[in-house]
PDB file of N, CA and C in Angstrom:
ATOM      1  N   MET A   1      -4.599   7.425  -4.679  1.00  0.00           N
ATOM      2  CA  MET A   1      -3.866   6.040  -5.008  1.00  0.00           C
ATOM      3  C   MET A   1      -2.417   6.810  -5.625  1.00  0.00           C
ATOM      4  N   SER A   2      -1.124   6.109  -5.366  1.00  0.00           N
ATOM      5  CA  SER A   2      -0.255   7.137  -5.955  1.00  0.00           C
ATOM      6  C   SER A   2       0.682   6.172  -6.538  1.00  0.00           C
ATOM      7  N   HIS A   3       1.543   6.280  -7.232  1.00  0.00           N
ATOM      8  CA  HIS A   3       2.165   5.861  -8.023  1.00  0.00           C
ATOM      9  C   HIS A   3       3.972   5.894  -7.605  1.00  0.00           C
ATOM     10  N   ALA A   4       4.348   4.621  -7.829  1.00  0.00           N
ATOM     11  CA  ALA A   4       5.618   4.100  -7.619  1.00  0.00           C
ATOM     12  C   ALA A   4       6.563   5.639  -7.479  1.00  0.00           C
ATOM     13  N   SER A   5       6.771   6.518  -8.308  1.00  0.00           N
ATOM     14  CA  SER A   5       7.690   7.653  -8.472  1.00  0.00           C
ATOM     15  C   SER A   5       7.187   8.541  -7.047  1.00  0.00           C
ATOM     16  N   GLU A   6       6.132   8.547  -6.610  1.00  0.00           N
ATOM     17  CA  GLU A   6       5.704   9.060  -5.740  1.00  0.00           C
ATOM     18  C   GLU A   6       6.243   8.182  -4.367  1.00  0.00           C
ATOM     19  N   PHE A   7       6.220   7.457  -4.118  1.00  0.00           N
ATOM     20  CA  PHE A   7       6.643   6.338  -3.271  1.00  0.00           C
ATOM     21  C   PHE A   7       8.405   6.335  -2.963  1.00  0.00           C
ATOM     22  N   ARG A   8       8.674   6.257  -3.989  1.00  0.00           N
ATOM     23  CA  ARG A   8      10.450   6.059  -4.216  1.00  0.00           C
ATOM     24  C   ARG A   8      11.068   8.334  -3.564  1.00  0.00           C
ATOM     25  N   GLU A   9      10.041   8.618  -3.488  1.00  0.00           N
ATOM     26  CA  GLU A   9      10.354  10.164  -3.023  1.00  0.00           C
ATOM     27  C   GLU A   9      10.172   9.874  -1.306  1.00  0.00           C
ATOM     28  N   MET A  10       9.591   9.691  -0.780  1.00  0.00           N
ATOM     29  CA  MET A  10       9.133   9.529   0.847  1.00  0.00           C
ATOM     30  C   MET A  10      10.554   8.781   1.290  1.00  0.00           C
ATOM     31  N   ASN A  11      10.901   9.184   2.562  1.00  0.00           N
ATOM     32  CA  ASN A  11      11.388   8.429   3.521  1.00  0.00           C
ATOM     33  C   ASN A  11      10.773   7.197   4.139  1.00  0.00           C
ATOM     34  N   GLU A  12      11.906   6.728   4.951  1.00  0.00           N
ATOM     35  CA  GLU A  12      11.666   5.456   5.767  1.00  0.00           C
ATOM     36  C   GLU A  12      10.139   5.559   6.280  1.00  0.00           C
ATOM     37  N   GLU A  13      10.121   6.230   7.116  1.00  0.00           N
ATOM     38  CA  GLU A  13       8.819   6.574   8.283  1.00  0.00           C
ATOM     39  C   GLU A  13       7.907   7.022   7.369  1.00  0.00           C
ATOM     40  N   GLN A  14       7.921   8.052   6.326  1.00  0.00           N
ATOM     41  CA  GLN A  14       6.644   8.040   5.530  1.00  0.00           C
ATOM     42  C   GLN A  14       6.304   6.849   4.634  1.00  0.00           C
ATOM     43  N   LEU A  15       7.223   6.307   4.115  1.00  0.00           N
ATOM     44  CA  LEU A  15       6.552   5.185   3.619  1.00  0.00           C
ATOM     45  C   LEU A  15       5.867   4.214   4.621  1.00  0.00           C
ATOM     46  N   GLU A  16       6.283   4.091   6.118  1.00  0.00           N
ATOM     47  CA  GLU A  16       5.508   2.770   6.887  1.00  0.00           C
ATOM     48  C   GLU A  16       4.348   3.104   7.135  1.00  0.00           C
ATOM     49  N   PHE A  17       4.326   4.836   7.393  1.00  0.00           N
ATOM     50  CA  PHE A  17       3.076   5.390   7.603  1.00  0.00           C
ATOM     51  C   PHE A  17       1.693   4.981   6.369  1.00  0.00           C
ATOM     52  N   ALA A  18       2.382   4.974   5.064  1.00  0.00           N
ATOM     53  CA  ALA A  18       1.822   4.967   4.173  1.00  0.00           C
ATOM     54  C   ALA A  18       1.175   3.435   4.117  1.00  0.00           C
ATOM     55  N   LEU A  19       2.332   2.320   4.396  1.00  0.00           N
ATOM     56  CA  LEU A  19       1.892   1.398   4.335  1.00  0.00           C
ATOM     57  C   LEU A  19       0.828   0.754   5.387  1.00  0.00           C
ATOM     58  N   LYS A  20       1.072   1.202   6.602  1.00  0.00           N
ATOM     59  CA  LYS A  20       0.186   1.091   7.336  1.00  0.00           C
ATOM     60  C   LYS A  20      -1.387   1.517   6.736  1.00  0.00           C
ATOM     61  N   GLU A  21      -1.281   2.660   6.548  1.00  0.00           N
ATOM     62  CA  GLU A  21      -2.872   3.375   5.913  1.00  0.00           C
ATOM     63  C   GLU A  21      -3.611   2.508   4.868  1.00  0.00           C
ATOM     64  N   SER A  22      -2.828   1.907   4.538  1.00  0.00           N
ATOM     65  CA  SER A  22      -3.096   1.246   3.244  1.00  0.00           C
ATOM     66  C   SER A  22      -3.838  -0.228   3.519  1.00  0.00           C
ATOM     67  N   GLN A  23      -2.877  -0.625   4.718  1.00  0.00           N
ATOM     68  CA  GLN A  23      -3.293  -1.782   5.553  1.00  0.00           C
ATOM     69  C   GLN A  23      -5.054  -1.571   5.869  1.00  0.00           C
ATOM     70  N   GLN A  24      -4.687  -0.353   6.607  1.00  0.00           N
ATOM     71  CA  GLN A  24      -6.171  -0.229   6.883  1.00  0.00           C
ATOM     72  C   GLN A  24      -7.177  -0.459   6.563  1.00  0.00           C
ATOM     73  N   GLU A  25      -6.932   0.728   5.536  1.00  0.00           N
ATOM     74  CA  GLU A  25      -8.322   1.077   4.598  1.00  0.00           C
ATOM     75  C   GLU A  25      -8.371  -0.468   3.957  1.00  0.00           C
ATOM     76  N   LEU A  26      -7.333  -1.804   3.458  1.00  0.00           N
ATOM     77  CA  LEU A  26      -7.581  -2.640   3.086  1.00  0.00           C
ATOM     78  C   LEU A  26      -8.888  -3.670   3.825  1.00  0.00           C
ATOM     79  N   PHE A  27      -8.375  -3.682   5.150  1.00  0.00           N
ATOM     80  CA  PHE A  27      -8.983  -4.165   5.939  1.00  0.00           C
ATOM     81  C   PHE A  27     -10.633  -3.954   6.463  1.00  0.00           C
ATOM     82  N   ARG A  28     -10.828  -2.505   5.925  1.00  0.00           N
ATOM     83  CA  ARG A  28     -12.023  -2.115   5.537  1.00  0.00           C
ATOM     84  C   ARG A  28     -12.873  -2.566   4.957  1.00  0.00           C
ATOM     85  N   LEU A  29     -12.138  -2.442   3.893  1.00  0.00           N
ATOM     86  CA  LEU A  29     -12.673  -2.591   2.512  1.00  0.00           C
ATOM     87  C   LEU A  29     -12.996  -4.171   2.499  1.00  0.00           C
ATOM     88  N   ARG A  30     -12.116  -4.800   2.712  1.00  0.00           N
ATOM     89  CA  ARG A  30     -12.811  -6.008   2.932  1.00  0.00           C
ATOM     90  C   ARG A  30     -13.932  -6.702   3.542  1.00  0.00           C
ATOM     91  N   PHE A  31     -13.824  -5.836   4.783  1.00  0.00           N
ATOM     92  CA  PHE A  31     -15.094  -5.969   5.489  1.00  0.00           C
ATOM     93  C   PHE A  31     -16.186  -5.782   5.477  1.00  0.00           C
ATOM     94  N   GLN A  32     -16.586  -4.196   4.374  1.00  0.00           N
ATOM     95  CA  GLN A  32     -17.154  -3.864   3.921  1.00  0.00           C
ATOM     96  C   GLN A  32     -17.560  -4.906   2.823  1.00  0.00           C
ATOM     97  N   ALA A  33     -16.972  -5.294   1.751  1.00  0.00           N
ATOM     98  CA  ALA A  33     -17.164  -6.450   1.122  1.00  0.00           C
ATOM     99  C   ALA A  33     -17.905  -7.912   1.252  1.00  0.00           C
ATOM    100  N   SER A  34     -17.300  -8.272   2.603  1.00  0.00           N
ATOM    101  CA  SER A  34     -17.851  -9.089   3.293  1.00  0.00           C
ATOM    102  C   SER A  34     -19.554  -8.668   3.632  1.00  0.00           C
ATOM    103  N   THR A  35     -19.754  -7.641   4.071  1.00  0.00           N
ATOM    104  CA  THR A  35     -21.190  -7.587   4.267  1.00  0.00           C
ATOM    105  C   THR A  35     -21.779  -7.091   2.829  1.00  0.00           C
ATOM    106  N   GLU A  36     -20.932  -6.995   2.192  1.00  0.00           N
ATOM    107  CA  GLU A  36     -21.966  -6.683   0.688  1.00  0.00           C
ATOM    108  C   GLU A  36     -22.460  -4.893   0.798  1.00  0.00           C
ATOM    109  N   LYS A  37     -21.417  -4.818   1.526  1.00  0.00           N
ATOM    110  CA  LYS A  37     -21.835  -2.920   1.221  1.00  0.00           C
ATOM    111  C   LYS A  37     -20.625  -2.251   0.487  1.00  0.00           C
ATOM    112  N   LEU A  38     -19.941  -2.823  -0.202  1.00  0.00           N
ATOM    113  CA  LEU A  38     -18.904  -2.151  -1.005  1.00  0.00           C
ATOM    114  C   LEU A  38     -19.341  -1.380  -2.345  1.00  0.00           C
ATOM    115  N   ASP A  39     -18.605  -0.219  -2.615  1.00  0.00           N
ATOM    116  CA  ASP A  39     -19.369   0.667  -3.442  1.00  0.00           C
ATOM    117  C   ASP A  39     -18.616   0.039  -4.789  1.00  0.00           C
ATOM    118  N   ALA A  40     -17.292   0.230  -4.816  1.00  0.00           N
ATOM    119  CA  ALA A  40     -16.556   0.239  -5.547  1.00  0.00           C
ATOM    120  C   ALA A  40     -15.519  -1.216  -5.212  1.00  0.00           C
ATOM    121  N   PRO A  41     -15.869  -2.620  -5.935  1.00  0.00           N
ATOM    122  CA  PRO A  41     -14.711  -3.209  -5.679  1.00  0.00           C
ATOM    123  C   PRO A  41     -13.483  -3.074  -6.051  1.00  0.00           C
ATOM    124  N   SER A  42     -13.079  -2.479  -7.177  1.00  0.00           N
ATOM    125  CA  SER A  42     -11.963  -2.140  -7.723  1.00  0.00           C
ATOM    126  C   SER A  42     -10.848  -1.394  -7.006  1.00  0.00           C
ATOM    127  N   ASN A  43     -11.398  -0.972  -5.677  1.00  0.00           N
ATOM    128  CA  ASN A  43     -10.705  -0.442  -4.850  1.00  0.00           C
ATOM    129  C   ASN A  43      -9.880  -1.622  -4.145  1.00  0.00           C
ATOM    130  N   LEU A  44     -10.081  -2.518  -4.044  1.00  0.00           N
ATOM    131  CA  LEU A  44      -9.364  -3.943  -3.176  1.00  0.00           C
ATOM    132  C   LEU A  44      -8.256  -3.999  -4.471  1.00  0.00           C
ATOM    133  N   ARG A  45      -8.336  -4.005  -5.189  1.00  0.00           N
ATOM    134  CA  ARG A  45      -7.179  -4.439  -6.213  1.00  0.00           C
ATOM    135  C   ARG A  45      -6.359  -3.304  -5.858  1.00  0.00           C
ATOM    136  N   LYS A  46      -6.624  -2.020  -6.371  1.00  0.00           N
ATOM    137  CA  LYS A  46      -5.458  -1.327  -6.258  1.00  0.00           C
ATOM    138  C   LYS A  46      -5.252  -1.200  -5.362  1.00  0.00           C
ATOM    139  N   LEU A  47      -5.583  -1.172  -3.836  1.00  0.00           N
ATOM    140  CA  LEU A  47      -5.176  -1.177  -2.352  1.00  0.00           C
ATOM    141  C   LEU A  47      -3.682  -2.192  -2.307  1.00  0.00           C
ATOM    142  N   ARG A  48      -4.415  -3.109  -3.006  1.00  0.00           N
ATOM    143  CA  ARG A  48      -3.699  -4.592  -2.772  1.00  0.00           C
ATOM    144  C   ARG A  48      -2.215  -3.913  -3.802  1.00  0.00           C
ATOM    145  N   ARG A  49      -2.301  -3.745  -4.778  1.00  0.00           N
ATOM    146  CA  ARG A  49      -0.933  -3.403  -5.440  1.00  0.00           C
ATOM    147  C   ARG A  49      -0.279  -2.168  -5.386  1.00  0.00           C
ATOM    148  N   GLU A  50      -0.921  -1.201  -4.151  1.00  0.00           N
ATOM    149  CA  GLU A  50      -0.504  -0.201  -3.929  1.00  0.00           C
ATOM    150  C   GLU A  50       0.442  -0.579  -2.423  1.00  0.00           C
ATOM    151  N   ILE A  51      -0.084  -1.657  -1.785  1.00  0.00           N
ATOM    152  CA  ILE A  51       0.687  -2.695  -0.475  1.00  0.00           C
ATOM    153  C   ILE A  51       2.017  -2.938  -1.196  1.00  0.00           C
ATOM    154  N   ALA A  52       1.819  -3.448  -2.419  1.00  0.00           N
ATOM    155  CA  ALA A  52       2.805  -4.460  -2.847  1.00  0.00           C
ATOM    156  C   ALA A  52       4.421  -3.470  -3.441  1.00  0.00           C
ATOM    157  N   ARG A  53       3.640  -2.057  -3.909  1.00  0.00           N
ATOM    158  CA  ARG A  53       4.513  -1.126  -4.559  1.00  0.00           C
ATOM    159  C   ARG A  53       5.656  -1.093  -3.281  1.00  0.00           C
ATOM    160  N   ILE A  54       4.810  -0.630  -2.100  1.00  0.00           N
ATOM    161  CA  ILE A  54       5.672  -0.332  -1.385  1.00  0.00           C
ATOM    162  C   ILE A  54       6.647  -0.888  -0.652  1.00  0.00           C
ATOM    163  N   LYS A  55       5.728  -2.235  -0.527  1.00  0.00           N
ATOM    164  CA  LYS A  55       7.115  -3.329  -0.220  1.00  0.00           C
ATOM    165  C   LYS A  55       7.989  -3.544  -0.843  1.00  0.00           C
ATOM    166  N   THR A  56       7.407  -3.506  -1.941  1.00  0.00           N
ATOM    167  CA  THR A  56       8.666  -3.461  -3.517  1.00  0.00           C
ATOM    168  C   THR A  56       9.736  -2.830  -3.034  1.00  0.00           C
ATOM    169  N   ILE A  57       9.204  -1.477  -2.761  1.00  0.00           N
ATOM    170  CA  ILE A  57      10.566   0.065  -2.426  1.00  0.00           C
ATOM    171  C   ILE A  57      10.993  -0.389  -1.274  1.00  0.00           C
ATOM    172  N   GLN A  58      10.507  -0.789  -0.352  1.00  0.00           N
ATOM    173  CA  GLN A  58      11.368  -1.108   1.227  1.00  0.00           C
ATOM    174  C   GLN A  58      12.261  -2.024   0.802  1.00  0.00           C
ATOM    175  N   ARG A  59      12.096  -2.849   0.266  1.00  0.00           N
ATOM    176  CA  ARG A  59      12.967  -4.314  -0.056  1.00  0.00           C
ATOM    177  C   ARG A  59      13.565  -4.131  -0.625  1.00  0.00           C
ATOM    178  N   GLU A  60      13.778  -3.231  -1.874  1.00  0.00           N
ATOM    179  CA  GLU A  60      15.166  -2.450  -2.551  1.00  0.00           C
ATOM    180  C   GLU A  60      15.927  -1.741  -2.155  1.00  0.00           C
ATOM    181  N   ARG A  61      15.417  -0.774  -0.867  1.00  0.00           N
ATOM    182  CA  ARG A  61      16.069   0.019  -0.667  1.00  0.00           C
ATOM    183  C   ARG A  61      16.409  -0.874   0.697  1.00  0.00           C
ATOM    184  N   GLU A  62      16.576  -2.199   1.228  1.00  0.00           N
ATOM    185  CA  GLU A  62      17.104  -2.740   1.903  1.00  0.00           C
ATOM    186  C   GLU A  62      18.337  -3.452   1.295  1.00  0.00           C
ATOM    187  N   ASP A  63      17.955  -4.307   0.031  1.00  0.00           N
ATOM    188  CA  ASP A  63      18.757  -4.717  -0.911  1.00  0.00           C
ATOM    189  C   ASP A  63      19.978  -3.839  -0.905  1.00  0.00           C
ATOM    190  N   TYR A  64      20.149  -2.583  -1.835  1.00  0.00           N
ATOM    191  CA  TYR A  64      20.779  -1.495  -1.969  1.00  0.00           C
ATOM    192  C   TYR A  64      21.553  -0.837  -0.986  1.00  0.00           C
ATOM    193  N   GLY A  65      20.659  -0.955   0.327  1.00  0.00           N
ATOM    194  CA  GLY A  65      21.323  -0.353   1.857  1.00  0.00           C
ATOM    195  C   GLY A  65      23.172  -1.339   2.053  1.00  0.00           C
ATOM    196  N   GLU A  66      22.531  -2.597   2.029  1.00  0.00           N
ATOM    197  CA  GLU A  66      23.536  -3.241   2.436  1.00  0.00           C
ATOM    198  C   GLU A  66      24.763  -3.656   1.935  1.00  0.00           C
ATOM    199  N   GLU A  67      25.080  -3.167   0.593  1.00  0.00           N
ATOM    200  CA  GLU A  67      26.319  -2.992  -0.222  1.00  0.00           C
ATOM    201  C   GLU A  67      27.214  -2.431  -0.010  1.00  0.00           C
TER     202      GLU A  67
END
């Protein structure tokens, strides 16, 4: 899991790739959770927050890029 400062250093393509990877991993973890084979339930929360961080940074760049 990464911090917001690490995501801010990435360019748009890297951010998009990190977002897709995180979303795919979240899907896999949710599937494991539904079949009751999830080892660390806290990873779901961490991934949701990571996705939110990435989307927030993307949105900030959109807002500041338009001015």
